[in-house]
N, C-alpha and C. Protein backbone atom coordinates (compact mmCIF):
# COMPACT_ATOMS: atom_id res chain seq x y z
N MET A 1 15.84 -18.47 20.93
CA MET A 1 14.63 -17.73 20.69
C MET A 1 13.77 -17.77 21.95
N VAL A 2 13.29 -16.63 22.37
CA VAL A 2 12.47 -16.50 23.56
C VAL A 2 11.05 -16.97 23.25
N THR A 3 10.47 -17.75 24.16
CA THR A 3 9.12 -18.26 23.97
C THR A 3 8.13 -17.51 24.85
N GLN A 4 6.86 -17.71 24.56
CA GLN A 4 5.82 -17.09 25.39
C GLN A 4 5.84 -17.66 26.80
N ARG A 5 6.25 -18.91 26.94
CA ARG A 5 6.36 -19.52 28.28
C ARG A 5 7.35 -18.75 29.15
N GLU A 6 8.44 -18.32 28.55
CA GLU A 6 9.42 -17.53 29.30
C GLU A 6 8.84 -16.18 29.70
N LEU A 7 8.02 -15.60 28.83
CA LEU A 7 7.34 -14.34 29.17
C LEU A 7 6.40 -14.55 30.35
N VAL A 8 5.69 -15.68 30.35
CA VAL A 8 4.76 -16.01 31.45
C VAL A 8 5.51 -16.05 32.77
N LYS A 9 6.65 -16.74 32.78
CA LYS A 9 7.44 -16.87 34.02
C LYS A 9 7.93 -15.52 34.51
N LEU A 10 8.52 -14.74 33.61
CA LEU A 10 9.09 -13.46 34.02
C LEU A 10 8.01 -12.46 34.44
N ALA A 11 6.93 -12.41 33.71
CA ALA A 11 5.86 -11.45 34.01
C ALA A 11 5.00 -11.89 35.18
N GLY A 12 4.97 -13.19 35.46
CA GLY A 12 4.15 -13.68 36.56
C GLY A 12 2.66 -13.62 36.26
N VAL A 13 2.31 -13.84 35.01
CA VAL A 13 0.90 -13.83 34.59
C VAL A 13 0.60 -15.13 33.86
N SER A 14 -0.65 -15.32 33.48
CA SER A 14 -1.04 -16.55 32.78
C SER A 14 -0.63 -16.50 31.31
N ALA A 15 -0.62 -17.68 30.70
CA ALA A 15 -0.31 -17.78 29.27
C ALA A 15 -1.36 -17.03 28.45
N GLY A 16 -2.61 -17.09 28.89
CA GLY A 16 -3.68 -16.38 28.19
C GLY A 16 -3.48 -14.88 28.21
N THR A 17 -2.99 -14.37 29.34
CA THR A 17 -2.73 -12.93 29.45
C THR A 17 -1.62 -12.52 28.50
N VAL A 18 -0.55 -13.31 28.45
CA VAL A 18 0.55 -13.01 27.53
C VAL A 18 0.04 -13.02 26.10
N SER A 19 -0.75 -14.03 25.75
CA SER A 19 -1.30 -14.13 24.40
C SER A 19 -2.18 -12.92 24.09
N ASN A 20 -3.01 -12.53 25.04
CA ASN A 20 -3.89 -11.38 24.82
C ASN A 20 -3.11 -10.08 24.62
N VAL A 21 -2.05 -9.90 25.37
CA VAL A 21 -1.23 -8.69 25.22
C VAL A 21 -0.57 -8.68 23.84
N ILE A 22 -0.01 -9.81 23.45
CA ILE A 22 0.69 -9.90 22.15
C ILE A 22 -0.28 -9.67 21.00
N SER A 23 -1.51 -10.18 21.13
CA SER A 23 -2.48 -10.03 20.04
C SER A 23 -3.19 -8.68 20.06
N GLY A 24 -2.95 -7.89 21.11
CA GLY A 24 -3.54 -6.56 21.17
C GLY A 24 -4.92 -6.50 21.79
N SER A 25 -5.32 -7.55 22.46
CA SER A 25 -6.63 -7.58 23.10
C SER A 25 -6.71 -6.52 24.20
N THR A 26 -7.89 -5.96 24.36
CA THR A 26 -8.10 -4.94 25.40
C THR A 26 -8.60 -5.58 26.69
N ARG A 27 -8.74 -6.90 26.72
CA ARG A 27 -9.26 -7.59 27.90
C ARG A 27 -8.16 -7.90 28.92
N VAL A 28 -7.21 -7.01 29.07
CA VAL A 28 -6.09 -7.21 30.00
C VAL A 28 -5.97 -5.96 30.86
N SER A 29 -5.76 -6.15 32.16
CA SER A 29 -5.60 -5.00 33.05
C SER A 29 -4.31 -4.26 32.69
N GLU A 30 -4.27 -3.00 33.01
CA GLU A 30 -3.09 -2.19 32.70
C GLU A 30 -1.86 -2.73 33.42
N ASP A 31 -2.04 -3.20 34.66
CA ASP A 31 -0.92 -3.73 35.44
C ASP A 31 -0.34 -4.98 34.75
N ALA A 32 -1.22 -5.89 34.36
CA ALA A 32 -0.76 -7.11 33.68
C ALA A 32 -0.13 -6.78 32.33
N ARG A 33 -0.74 -5.85 31.59
CA ARG A 33 -0.17 -5.44 30.30
C ARG A 33 1.24 -4.88 30.49
N ARG A 34 1.43 -4.05 31.49
CA ARG A 34 2.73 -3.46 31.76
C ARG A 34 3.76 -4.55 32.09
N LYS A 35 3.36 -5.53 32.90
CA LYS A 35 4.27 -6.63 33.26
C LYS A 35 4.71 -7.40 32.01
N VAL A 36 3.75 -7.71 31.16
CA VAL A 36 4.07 -8.47 29.94
C VAL A 36 4.95 -7.65 29.01
N LEU A 37 4.62 -6.38 28.81
CA LEU A 37 5.43 -5.53 27.93
C LEU A 37 6.83 -5.34 28.47
N ASP A 38 6.96 -5.26 29.80
CA ASP A 38 8.30 -5.18 30.40
C ASP A 38 9.08 -6.46 30.14
N ALA A 39 8.42 -7.61 30.29
CA ALA A 39 9.09 -8.90 30.03
C ALA A 39 9.50 -9.01 28.55
N ILE A 40 8.63 -8.54 27.67
CA ILE A 40 8.95 -8.55 26.23
C ILE A 40 10.19 -7.72 25.97
N ARG A 41 10.27 -6.56 26.60
CA ARG A 41 11.43 -5.67 26.41
C ARG A 41 12.69 -6.30 26.99
N VAL A 42 12.61 -6.81 28.20
CA VAL A 42 13.78 -7.39 28.87
C VAL A 42 14.32 -8.59 28.11
N LEU A 43 13.42 -9.48 27.68
CA LEU A 43 13.84 -10.70 26.99
C LEU A 43 14.02 -10.50 25.49
N GLN A 44 13.67 -9.31 25.00
CA GLN A 44 13.75 -8.99 23.57
C GLN A 44 12.96 -10.01 22.75
N TYR A 45 11.74 -10.25 23.19
CA TYR A 45 10.86 -11.23 22.54
C TYR A 45 10.47 -10.77 21.14
N GLN A 46 10.55 -11.69 20.19
CA GLN A 46 10.07 -11.48 18.83
C GLN A 46 9.15 -12.64 18.50
N PRO A 47 7.93 -12.37 18.05
CA PRO A 47 7.03 -13.48 17.72
C PRO A 47 7.62 -14.36 16.62
N ASN A 48 7.39 -15.66 16.74
CA ASN A 48 7.82 -16.61 15.73
C ASN A 48 6.74 -16.65 14.66
N LEU A 49 6.97 -15.95 13.55
CA LEU A 49 5.95 -15.83 12.51
C LEU A 49 5.66 -17.15 11.81
N ILE A 50 6.64 -18.03 11.75
CA ILE A 50 6.41 -19.34 11.15
C ILE A 50 5.46 -20.15 12.03
N ALA A 51 5.71 -20.14 13.34
CA ALA A 51 4.82 -20.86 14.25
C ALA A 51 3.41 -20.27 14.20
N ARG A 52 3.32 -18.95 14.15
CA ARG A 52 2.01 -18.30 14.09
C ARG A 52 1.27 -18.71 12.82
N SER A 53 1.98 -18.73 11.69
CA SER A 53 1.31 -19.09 10.43
C SER A 53 0.86 -20.55 10.43
N LEU A 54 1.62 -21.43 11.07
CA LEU A 54 1.21 -22.83 11.17
C LEU A 54 -0.03 -22.96 12.05
N ARG A 55 -0.08 -22.18 13.11
CA ARG A 55 -1.21 -22.24 14.05
C ARG A 55 -2.49 -21.65 13.45
N THR A 56 -2.35 -20.53 12.74
CA THR A 56 -3.52 -19.82 12.22
C THR A 56 -3.86 -20.19 10.79
N ASN A 57 -2.96 -20.91 10.13
CA ASN A 57 -3.12 -21.28 8.72
C ASN A 57 -3.19 -20.03 7.82
N ARG A 58 -2.50 -18.98 8.23
CA ARG A 58 -2.40 -17.75 7.45
C ARG A 58 -0.95 -17.26 7.50
N THR A 59 -0.43 -16.89 6.34
CA THR A 59 0.96 -16.43 6.30
C THR A 59 1.09 -14.93 6.18
N HIS A 60 0.02 -14.26 5.78
CA HIS A 60 0.06 -12.82 5.53
C HIS A 60 1.15 -12.48 4.52
N THR A 61 1.35 -13.40 3.57
CA THR A 61 2.33 -13.23 2.51
C THR A 61 1.61 -13.05 1.19
N LEU A 62 2.03 -12.06 0.46
CA LEU A 62 1.46 -11.78 -0.85
C LEU A 62 2.45 -12.23 -1.91
N GLY A 63 2.01 -13.08 -2.82
CA GLY A 63 2.86 -13.53 -3.92
C GLY A 63 2.47 -12.83 -5.21
N ILE A 64 3.45 -12.31 -5.91
CA ILE A 64 3.21 -11.60 -7.17
C ILE A 64 4.10 -12.21 -8.24
N VAL A 65 3.50 -12.56 -9.37
CA VAL A 65 4.26 -13.04 -10.52
C VAL A 65 3.99 -12.07 -11.66
N VAL A 66 5.05 -11.46 -12.16
CA VAL A 66 4.91 -10.49 -13.25
C VAL A 66 5.69 -10.98 -14.46
N PRO A 67 5.24 -10.61 -15.66
CA PRO A 67 5.93 -11.10 -16.85
C PRO A 67 7.29 -10.44 -17.06
N ASP A 68 7.41 -9.15 -16.72
CA ASP A 68 8.64 -8.42 -17.01
C ASP A 68 8.75 -7.20 -16.11
N LEU A 69 9.79 -7.15 -15.30
CA LEU A 69 9.95 -6.02 -14.37
C LEU A 69 10.46 -4.75 -15.05
N THR A 70 10.82 -4.84 -16.33
CA THR A 70 11.29 -3.63 -17.03
C THR A 70 10.13 -2.78 -17.54
N ILE A 71 8.93 -3.33 -17.55
CA ILE A 71 7.74 -2.55 -17.92
C ILE A 71 7.39 -1.68 -16.70
N PRO A 72 7.35 -0.35 -16.85
CA PRO A 72 7.21 0.56 -15.70
C PRO A 72 6.04 0.27 -14.76
N PHE A 73 4.97 -0.30 -15.24
CA PHE A 73 3.81 -0.57 -14.39
C PHE A 73 4.14 -1.57 -13.28
N PHE A 74 4.90 -2.60 -13.59
CA PHE A 74 5.10 -3.69 -12.65
C PHE A 74 5.96 -3.32 -11.44
N PRO A 75 7.07 -2.61 -11.58
CA PRO A 75 7.81 -2.21 -10.37
C PRO A 75 6.98 -1.32 -9.44
N LYS A 76 6.15 -0.44 -10.01
CA LYS A 76 5.28 0.40 -9.16
C LYS A 76 4.29 -0.46 -8.40
N THR A 77 3.74 -1.45 -9.07
CA THR A 77 2.76 -2.33 -8.44
C THR A 77 3.40 -3.14 -7.32
N THR A 78 4.57 -3.70 -7.59
CA THR A 78 5.22 -4.52 -6.56
C THR A 78 5.68 -3.67 -5.38
N THR A 79 6.11 -2.43 -5.64
CA THR A 79 6.50 -1.53 -4.55
C THR A 79 5.30 -1.22 -3.66
N ALA A 80 4.15 -0.95 -4.25
CA ALA A 80 2.93 -0.68 -3.48
C ALA A 80 2.53 -1.91 -2.68
N ALA A 81 2.66 -3.07 -3.26
CA ALA A 81 2.30 -4.31 -2.56
C ALA A 81 3.20 -4.53 -1.35
N ARG A 82 4.48 -4.26 -1.51
CA ARG A 82 5.42 -4.45 -0.40
C ARG A 82 5.11 -3.51 0.76
N ARG A 83 4.64 -2.30 0.44
CA ARG A 83 4.29 -1.35 1.50
C ARG A 83 3.06 -1.79 2.28
N ASN A 84 2.20 -2.57 1.65
CA ASN A 84 0.91 -2.89 2.24
C ASN A 84 0.75 -4.34 2.68
N SER A 85 1.83 -5.08 2.76
CA SER A 85 1.72 -6.45 3.25
C SER A 85 2.91 -6.74 4.16
N GLU A 86 2.71 -7.72 5.05
CA GLU A 86 3.79 -8.10 5.96
C GLU A 86 4.97 -8.69 5.21
N SER A 87 4.66 -9.50 4.22
CA SER A 87 5.70 -10.18 3.48
C SER A 87 5.27 -10.29 2.02
N THR A 88 6.20 -10.05 1.12
CA THR A 88 5.90 -10.10 -0.31
C THR A 88 6.95 -10.94 -1.02
N ILE A 89 6.47 -11.81 -1.89
CA ILE A 89 7.36 -12.59 -2.73
C ILE A 89 7.06 -12.18 -4.17
N CYS A 90 8.08 -11.73 -4.87
CA CYS A 90 7.89 -11.28 -6.25
C CYS A 90 8.77 -12.12 -7.16
N SER A 91 8.17 -12.57 -8.24
CA SER A 91 8.90 -13.40 -9.20
C SER A 91 8.56 -12.96 -10.62
N ARG A 92 9.50 -13.13 -11.50
CA ARG A 92 9.29 -12.81 -12.92
C ARG A 92 9.00 -14.11 -13.65
N SER A 93 7.91 -14.12 -14.40
CA SER A 93 7.51 -15.35 -15.10
C SER A 93 8.27 -15.54 -16.40
N GLY A 94 8.66 -14.44 -17.04
CA GLY A 94 9.35 -14.53 -18.31
C GLY A 94 8.44 -14.85 -19.48
N ILE A 95 7.13 -14.84 -19.24
CA ILE A 95 6.20 -15.07 -20.34
C ILE A 95 5.29 -13.86 -20.49
N ALA A 96 4.68 -13.72 -21.63
CA ALA A 96 3.83 -12.57 -21.93
C ALA A 96 2.64 -12.51 -20.98
N ALA A 97 2.16 -11.31 -20.72
CA ALA A 97 1.04 -11.11 -19.81
C ALA A 97 -0.18 -11.89 -20.26
N SER A 98 -0.44 -11.96 -21.55
CA SER A 98 -1.62 -12.69 -22.05
C SER A 98 -1.50 -14.19 -21.72
N GLN A 99 -0.30 -14.73 -21.80
CA GLN A 99 -0.09 -16.14 -21.45
C GLN A 99 -0.29 -16.36 -19.96
N SER A 100 0.19 -15.39 -19.14
CA SER A 100 0.01 -15.50 -17.69
C SER A 100 -1.46 -15.50 -17.34
N LEU A 101 -2.23 -14.62 -17.98
CA LEU A 101 -3.66 -14.53 -17.72
C LEU A 101 -4.36 -15.84 -18.09
N ARG A 102 -4.01 -16.39 -19.24
CA ARG A 102 -4.61 -17.67 -19.64
C ARG A 102 -4.28 -18.77 -18.63
N ALA A 103 -3.06 -18.79 -18.12
CA ALA A 103 -2.65 -19.79 -17.16
C ALA A 103 -3.44 -19.65 -15.86
N LEU A 104 -3.69 -18.43 -15.44
CA LEU A 104 -4.45 -18.20 -14.20
C LEU A 104 -5.91 -18.58 -14.34
N LEU A 105 -6.46 -18.44 -15.55
CA LEU A 105 -7.87 -18.71 -15.76
C LEU A 105 -8.18 -20.19 -15.97
N ARG A 106 -7.19 -21.02 -16.09
CA ARG A 106 -7.41 -22.47 -16.29
C ARG A 106 -8.00 -23.10 -15.06
């Protein structure tokens, strides 16, 4: 797995510049941005989402528990959720919706 340190070496810029380019900051010169983006392309860099979530304490994961996926409302809801989040975990509880609601309100 390619690290940001490797991007720094190949692009010849600072670690802060690489971080700013990856995060989408506009505080980077076009020349530096181009160097970093070229290094990302050459090394086929992919951000480590697990490391990012540990650092930021955010997973950008949506968890959904539904009582029964055969009820037409729930598949539509989970499909919409998957379109609008980076990561979605869907599970079937196997219990009635009223029981699920009571469990959540405890």
